[in-house]
């Protein structure tokens, strides 16, 4: 009977510890590896194990992104899929970029009010 109580509690404790470590790793990763960029939105989707960042500033090349992805292991988040949406510094944004940027800002303000 005691085993039936201890087992689920142990599983929950381990799961909580792993989730907490992942969140801390993501926080440190974004803070350090994207320090030279402005991250306007950061969403971790646990269902897909995906981190989606929206970054404003100078373009990040595919080579730079690959280098950043290779550093994920040192933060303990090597299994997290990284997706970076970029909004470039420009006085002339195309309509699709402007639409996505506005959508992102709207979703951020909605999340903050909830």
N, C-alpha and C. Protein backbone atom coordinates (compact mmCIF):
# COMPACT_ATOMS: atom_id res chain seq x y z
N UNK A 1 0.82 -1.19 0.00
CA UNK A 1 0.00 0.00 0.00
C UNK A 1 0.87 1.26 0.00
N UNK A 2 1.91 1.26 0.79
CA UNK A 2 2.80 2.42 0.86
C UNK A 2 3.48 2.64 -0.49
N UNK A 3 3.83 1.56 -1.16
CA UNK A 3 4.47 1.66 -2.47
C UNK A 3 3.55 2.37 -3.46
N UNK A 4 2.26 2.12 -3.36
CA UNK A 4 1.29 2.75 -4.25
C UNK A 4 1.23 4.27 -4.03
N UNK A 5 1.57 4.72 -2.85
CA UNK A 5 1.58 6.15 -2.57
C UNK A 5 2.92 6.79 -2.92
N UNK A 6 4.00 6.08 -2.64
CA UNK A 6 5.34 6.62 -2.83
C UNK A 6 5.72 6.72 -4.30
N UNK A 7 5.35 5.72 -5.08
CA UNK A 7 5.74 5.69 -6.49
C UNK A 7 5.23 6.89 -7.29
N UNK A 8 3.95 7.22 -7.25
CA UNK A 8 3.49 8.40 -7.99
C UNK A 8 4.12 9.71 -7.48
N UNK A 9 4.31 9.82 -6.18
CA UNK A 9 4.91 11.02 -5.61
C UNK A 9 6.36 11.16 -6.08
N UNK A 10 7.07 10.06 -6.14
CA UNK A 10 8.46 10.09 -6.62
C UNK A 10 8.52 10.48 -8.09
N UNK A 11 7.64 9.93 -8.88
CA UNK A 11 7.58 10.26 -10.30
C UNK A 11 7.30 11.76 -10.48
N UNK A 12 6.35 12.28 -9.73
CA UNK A 12 6.01 13.70 -9.82
C UNK A 12 7.19 14.58 -9.42
N UNK A 13 7.90 14.19 -8.40
CA UNK A 13 9.05 14.96 -7.94
C UNK A 13 10.16 14.98 -9.00
N UNK A 14 10.42 13.84 -9.62
CA UNK A 14 11.44 13.76 -10.66
C UNK A 14 11.03 14.60 -11.88
N UNK A 15 9.79 14.49 -12.28
CA UNK A 15 9.28 15.26 -13.43
C UNK A 15 9.38 16.76 -13.16
N UNK A 16 9.00 17.17 -11.97
CA UNK A 16 9.07 18.59 -11.60
C UNK A 16 10.51 19.09 -11.61
N UNK A 17 11.43 18.29 -11.10
CA UNK A 17 12.85 18.66 -11.08
C UNK A 17 13.40 18.80 -12.49
N UNK A 18 13.06 17.88 -13.37
CA UNK A 18 13.51 17.94 -14.77
C UNK A 18 12.95 19.17 -15.46
N UNK A 19 11.67 19.45 -15.27
CA UNK A 19 11.04 20.63 -15.88
C UNK A 19 11.69 21.92 -15.38
N UNK A 20 11.96 21.97 -14.09
CA UNK A 20 12.58 23.16 -13.50
C UNK A 20 13.98 23.36 -14.06
N UNK A 21 14.75 22.28 -14.19
CA UNK A 21 16.10 22.36 -14.74
C UNK A 21 16.06 22.82 -16.19
N UNK A 22 15.09 22.33 -16.96
CA UNK A 22 14.95 22.73 -18.37
C UNK A 22 14.63 24.22 -18.46
N UNK A 23 13.70 24.70 -17.64
CA UNK A 23 13.34 26.12 -17.66
C UNK A 23 14.54 27.00 -17.30
N UNK A 24 15.30 26.59 -16.32
CA UNK A 24 16.49 27.35 -15.93
C UNK A 24 17.54 27.32 -17.04
N UNK A 25 17.72 26.18 -17.68
CA UNK A 25 18.65 26.07 -18.80
C UNK A 25 18.25 26.97 -19.95
N UNK A 26 16.96 27.01 -20.26
CA UNK A 26 16.45 27.87 -21.33
C UNK A 26 16.69 29.34 -20.98
N UNK A 27 16.41 29.71 -19.75
CA UNK A 27 16.61 31.09 -19.31
C UNK A 27 18.07 31.51 -19.47
N UNK A 28 18.98 30.67 -19.02
CA UNK A 28 20.40 30.99 -19.14
C UNK A 28 20.86 31.00 -20.60
N UNK A 29 20.40 30.04 -21.37
CA UNK A 29 20.74 29.94 -22.79
C UNK A 29 20.34 31.21 -23.54
N UNK A 30 19.10 31.61 -23.39
CA UNK A 30 18.60 32.79 -24.10
C UNK A 30 19.34 34.05 -23.61
N UNK A 31 19.52 34.16 -22.32
CA UNK A 31 20.20 35.33 -21.76
C UNK A 31 21.63 35.49 -22.25
N UNK A 32 22.34 34.39 -22.37
CA UNK A 32 23.74 34.47 -22.77
C UNK A 32 23.92 34.44 -24.30
N UNK A 33 23.29 33.49 -24.96
CA UNK A 33 23.53 33.31 -26.40
C UNK A 33 22.83 34.35 -27.27
N UNK A 34 21.82 35.01 -26.74
CA UNK A 34 21.13 36.05 -27.50
C UNK A 34 21.30 37.41 -26.83
N UNK A 35 22.39 37.58 -26.09
CA UNK A 35 22.66 38.83 -25.36
C UNK A 35 22.82 40.02 -26.31
N UNK A 36 23.29 39.78 -27.52
CA UNK A 36 23.51 40.87 -28.48
C UNK A 36 22.29 41.15 -29.35
N UNK A 37 21.17 40.52 -29.01
CA UNK A 37 19.94 40.69 -29.78
C UNK A 37 18.81 41.04 -28.82
N UNK A 38 17.76 41.61 -29.34
CA UNK A 38 16.59 41.92 -28.52
C UNK A 38 15.55 40.83 -28.73
N UNK A 39 15.30 40.05 -27.68
CA UNK A 39 14.30 38.98 -27.74
C UNK A 39 12.98 39.59 -27.26
N UNK A 40 12.02 39.72 -28.17
CA UNK A 40 10.75 40.34 -27.80
C UNK A 40 9.69 39.32 -27.40
N UNK A 41 9.95 38.06 -27.71
CA UNK A 41 9.01 37.02 -27.31
C UNK A 41 9.74 35.70 -27.19
N UNK A 42 9.39 34.96 -26.15
CA UNK A 42 10.01 33.67 -25.89
C UNK A 42 8.93 32.73 -25.39
N UNK A 43 8.72 31.63 -26.12
CA UNK A 43 7.69 30.67 -25.74
C UNK A 43 8.30 29.28 -25.77
N UNK A 44 8.16 28.56 -24.67
CA UNK A 44 8.56 27.16 -24.65
C UNK A 44 7.29 26.32 -24.75
N UNK A 45 7.22 25.51 -25.79
CA UNK A 45 6.07 24.63 -26.01
C UNK A 45 6.46 23.23 -25.55
N UNK A 46 6.03 22.88 -24.35
CA UNK A 46 6.45 21.60 -23.76
C UNK A 46 5.93 20.40 -24.54
N UNK A 47 4.77 20.54 -25.13
CA UNK A 47 4.19 19.43 -25.90
C UNK A 47 5.11 19.01 -27.05
N UNK A 48 5.70 20.01 -27.72
CA UNK A 48 6.60 19.75 -28.86
C UNK A 48 8.07 19.81 -28.45
N UNK A 49 8.33 20.16 -27.20
CA UNK A 49 9.70 20.37 -26.72
C UNK A 49 10.40 21.38 -27.64
N UNK A 50 9.73 22.51 -27.85
CA UNK A 50 10.20 23.52 -28.80
C UNK A 50 10.28 24.88 -28.12
N UNK A 51 11.39 25.57 -28.36
CA UNK A 51 11.58 26.93 -27.89
C UNK A 51 11.48 27.85 -29.09
N UNK A 52 10.52 28.77 -29.06
CA UNK A 52 10.32 29.71 -30.16
C UNK A 52 10.68 31.11 -29.66
N UNK A 53 11.65 31.72 -30.34
CA UNK A 53 12.08 33.07 -29.99
C UNK A 53 11.75 34.01 -31.14
N UNK A 54 11.32 35.21 -30.80
CA UNK A 54 11.17 36.27 -31.78
C UNK A 54 12.22 37.31 -31.43
N UNK A 55 13.11 37.57 -32.39
CA UNK A 55 14.28 38.41 -32.16
C UNK A 55 14.24 39.60 -33.12
N UNK A 56 14.52 40.77 -32.57
CA UNK A 56 14.60 41.99 -33.37
C UNK A 56 16.06 42.42 -33.43
N UNK A 57 16.49 42.86 -34.58
CA UNK A 57 17.85 43.37 -34.69
C UNK A 57 18.51 42.93 -35.98
N UNK A 58 19.83 42.95 -35.93
CA UNK A 58 20.59 42.53 -37.10
C UNK A 58 20.31 41.07 -37.40
N UNK A 59 20.32 40.70 -38.67
CA UNK A 59 20.04 39.31 -39.05
C UNK A 59 21.05 38.34 -38.44
N UNK A 60 20.54 37.18 -38.07
CA UNK A 60 21.38 36.09 -37.58
C UNK A 60 21.46 35.08 -38.71
N UNK A 61 22.67 34.81 -39.18
CA UNK A 61 22.83 33.89 -40.30
C UNK A 61 22.55 32.45 -39.87
N UNK A 62 22.34 31.59 -40.84
CA UNK A 62 22.13 30.17 -40.55
C UNK A 62 23.35 29.56 -39.86
N UNK A 63 24.54 30.01 -40.26
CA UNK A 63 25.76 29.51 -39.63
C UNK A 63 25.81 29.90 -38.15
N UNK A 64 25.43 31.16 -37.85
CA UNK A 64 25.40 31.62 -36.46
C UNK A 64 24.36 30.84 -35.66
N UNK A 65 23.19 30.61 -36.27
CA UNK A 65 22.15 29.85 -35.58
C UNK A 65 22.61 28.42 -35.30
N UNK A 66 23.32 27.82 -36.24
CA UNK A 66 23.82 26.46 -36.03
C UNK A 66 24.84 26.44 -34.90
N UNK A 67 25.70 27.44 -34.83
CA UNK A 67 26.67 27.54 -33.74
C UNK A 67 25.96 27.68 -32.40
N UNK A 68 24.90 28.50 -32.39
CA UNK A 68 24.11 28.68 -31.16
C UNK A 68 23.44 27.38 -30.78
N UNK A 69 22.87 26.67 -31.74
CA UNK A 69 22.21 25.38 -31.46
C UNK A 69 23.19 24.37 -30.86
N UNK A 70 24.42 24.38 -31.34
CA UNK A 70 25.42 23.45 -30.82
C UNK A 70 25.76 23.74 -29.36
N UNK A 71 25.51 24.95 -28.90
CA UNK A 71 25.79 25.32 -27.51
C UNK A 71 24.68 24.91 -26.55
N UNK A 72 23.54 24.46 -27.08
CA UNK A 72 22.42 24.08 -26.23
C UNK A 72 22.79 22.98 -25.24
N UNK A 73 23.64 22.07 -25.65
CA UNK A 73 24.01 20.95 -24.77
C UNK A 73 24.67 21.44 -23.48
N UNK A 74 25.43 22.51 -23.57
CA UNK A 74 26.10 23.00 -22.36
C UNK A 74 25.12 23.63 -21.37
N UNK A 75 23.88 23.85 -21.80
CA UNK A 75 22.84 24.36 -20.91
C UNK A 75 21.85 23.24 -20.52
N UNK A 76 22.13 22.04 -20.97
CA UNK A 76 21.27 20.90 -20.65
C UNK A 76 19.97 20.88 -21.43
N UNK A 77 19.93 21.56 -22.56
CA UNK A 77 18.69 21.63 -23.35
C UNK A 77 18.92 21.16 -24.78
N UNK A 78 19.81 20.20 -24.95
CA UNK A 78 20.14 19.71 -26.29
C UNK A 78 18.95 19.09 -27.01
N UNK A 79 17.96 18.59 -26.30
CA UNK A 79 16.82 17.97 -26.96
C UNK A 79 15.73 18.98 -27.35
N UNK A 80 15.87 20.22 -26.91
CA UNK A 80 14.88 21.25 -27.21
C UNK A 80 15.09 21.75 -28.64
N UNK A 81 14.01 21.76 -29.42
CA UNK A 81 14.07 22.28 -30.79
C UNK A 81 14.00 23.81 -30.74
N UNK A 82 14.99 24.46 -31.33
CA UNK A 82 15.05 25.92 -31.32
C UNK A 82 14.52 26.48 -32.64
N UNK A 83 13.57 27.39 -32.53
CA UNK A 83 13.04 28.08 -33.71
C UNK A 83 13.18 29.57 -33.45
N UNK A 84 13.81 30.28 -34.38
CA UNK A 84 14.06 31.72 -34.22
C UNK A 84 13.35 32.48 -35.33
N UNK A 85 12.39 33.30 -34.94
CA UNK A 85 11.71 34.21 -35.88
C UNK A 85 12.44 35.54 -35.79
N UNK A 86 12.87 36.05 -36.91
CA UNK A 86 13.66 37.28 -36.91
C UNK A 86 12.89 38.44 -37.54
N UNK A 87 12.96 39.58 -36.87
CA UNK A 87 12.45 40.82 -37.41
C UNK A 87 13.66 41.72 -37.54
N UNK A 88 14.06 42.00 -38.77
CA UNK A 88 15.29 42.74 -39.02
C UNK A 88 15.11 44.23 -38.81
N UNK A 89 16.20 44.87 -38.40
CA UNK A 89 16.20 46.34 -38.34
C UNK A 89 16.10 46.86 -39.76
N UNK A 90 15.05 47.56 -40.04
CA UNK A 90 14.88 48.08 -41.39
C UNK A 90 13.84 49.19 -41.36
N UNK A 91 14.06 50.18 -42.18
CA UNK A 91 13.05 51.23 -42.29
C UNK A 91 11.94 50.81 -43.24
N UNK A 92 12.21 49.78 -44.05
CA UNK A 92 11.22 49.28 -45.00
C UNK A 92 10.95 47.81 -44.72
N UNK A 93 9.87 47.55 -44.01
CA UNK A 93 9.48 46.17 -43.76
C UNK A 93 8.43 45.75 -44.78
N UNK A 94 8.55 44.53 -45.29
CA UNK A 94 7.52 44.07 -46.21
C UNK A 94 6.24 43.76 -45.44
N UNK A 95 5.16 43.61 -46.14
CA UNK A 95 3.86 43.45 -45.49
C UNK A 95 3.78 42.19 -44.64
N UNK A 96 4.40 41.10 -45.08
CA UNK A 96 4.36 39.84 -44.31
C UNK A 96 5.11 39.99 -43.00
N UNK A 97 6.29 40.60 -43.03
CA UNK A 97 7.08 40.82 -41.81
C UNK A 97 6.33 41.73 -40.86
N UNK A 98 5.74 42.79 -41.38
CA UNK A 98 4.97 43.72 -40.55
C UNK A 98 3.79 43.02 -39.91
N UNK A 99 3.09 42.18 -40.67
CA UNK A 99 1.94 41.44 -40.15
C UNK A 99 2.37 40.49 -39.03
N UNK A 100 3.46 39.76 -39.24
CA UNK A 100 3.95 38.84 -38.22
C UNK A 100 4.42 39.58 -36.97
N UNK A 101 5.09 40.71 -37.18
CA UNK A 101 5.57 41.51 -36.06
C UNK A 101 4.40 42.02 -35.23
N UNK A 102 3.37 42.55 -35.89
CA UNK A 102 2.18 43.05 -35.21
C UNK A 102 1.47 41.92 -34.47
N UNK A 103 1.37 40.77 -35.10
CA UNK A 103 0.73 39.61 -34.47
C UNK A 103 1.49 39.20 -33.21
N UNK A 104 2.82 39.20 -33.28
CA UNK A 104 3.64 38.84 -32.12
C UNK A 104 3.43 39.84 -31.00
N UNK A 105 3.47 41.13 -31.31
CA UNK A 105 3.28 42.15 -30.29
C UNK A 105 1.90 42.05 -29.66
N UNK A 106 0.89 41.77 -30.46
CA UNK A 106 -0.47 41.63 -29.95
C UNK A 106 -0.56 40.43 -29.01
N UNK A 107 0.05 39.32 -29.39
CA UNK A 107 -0.02 38.13 -28.53
C UNK A 107 0.74 38.35 -27.23
N UNK A 108 1.83 39.12 -27.26
CA UNK A 108 2.58 39.42 -26.05
C UNK A 108 1.72 40.26 -25.11
N UNK A 109 1.07 41.28 -25.63
CA UNK A 109 0.26 42.15 -24.78
C UNK A 109 -0.95 41.40 -24.23
N UNK A 110 -1.51 40.47 -24.99
CA UNK A 110 -2.64 39.67 -24.50
C UNK A 110 -2.17 38.77 -23.37
N UNK A 111 -0.99 38.13 -23.52
CA UNK A 111 -0.48 37.26 -22.46
C UNK A 111 -0.21 38.02 -21.18
N UNK A 112 0.28 39.26 -21.29
CA UNK A 112 0.60 40.05 -20.11
C UNK A 112 -0.65 40.49 -19.38
N UNK A 113 -1.76 40.64 -20.08
CA UNK A 113 -3.00 41.08 -19.42
C UNK A 113 -3.74 39.92 -18.78
N UNK A 114 -3.42 38.69 -19.17
CA UNK A 114 -4.12 37.53 -18.60
C UNK A 114 -3.60 37.15 -17.26
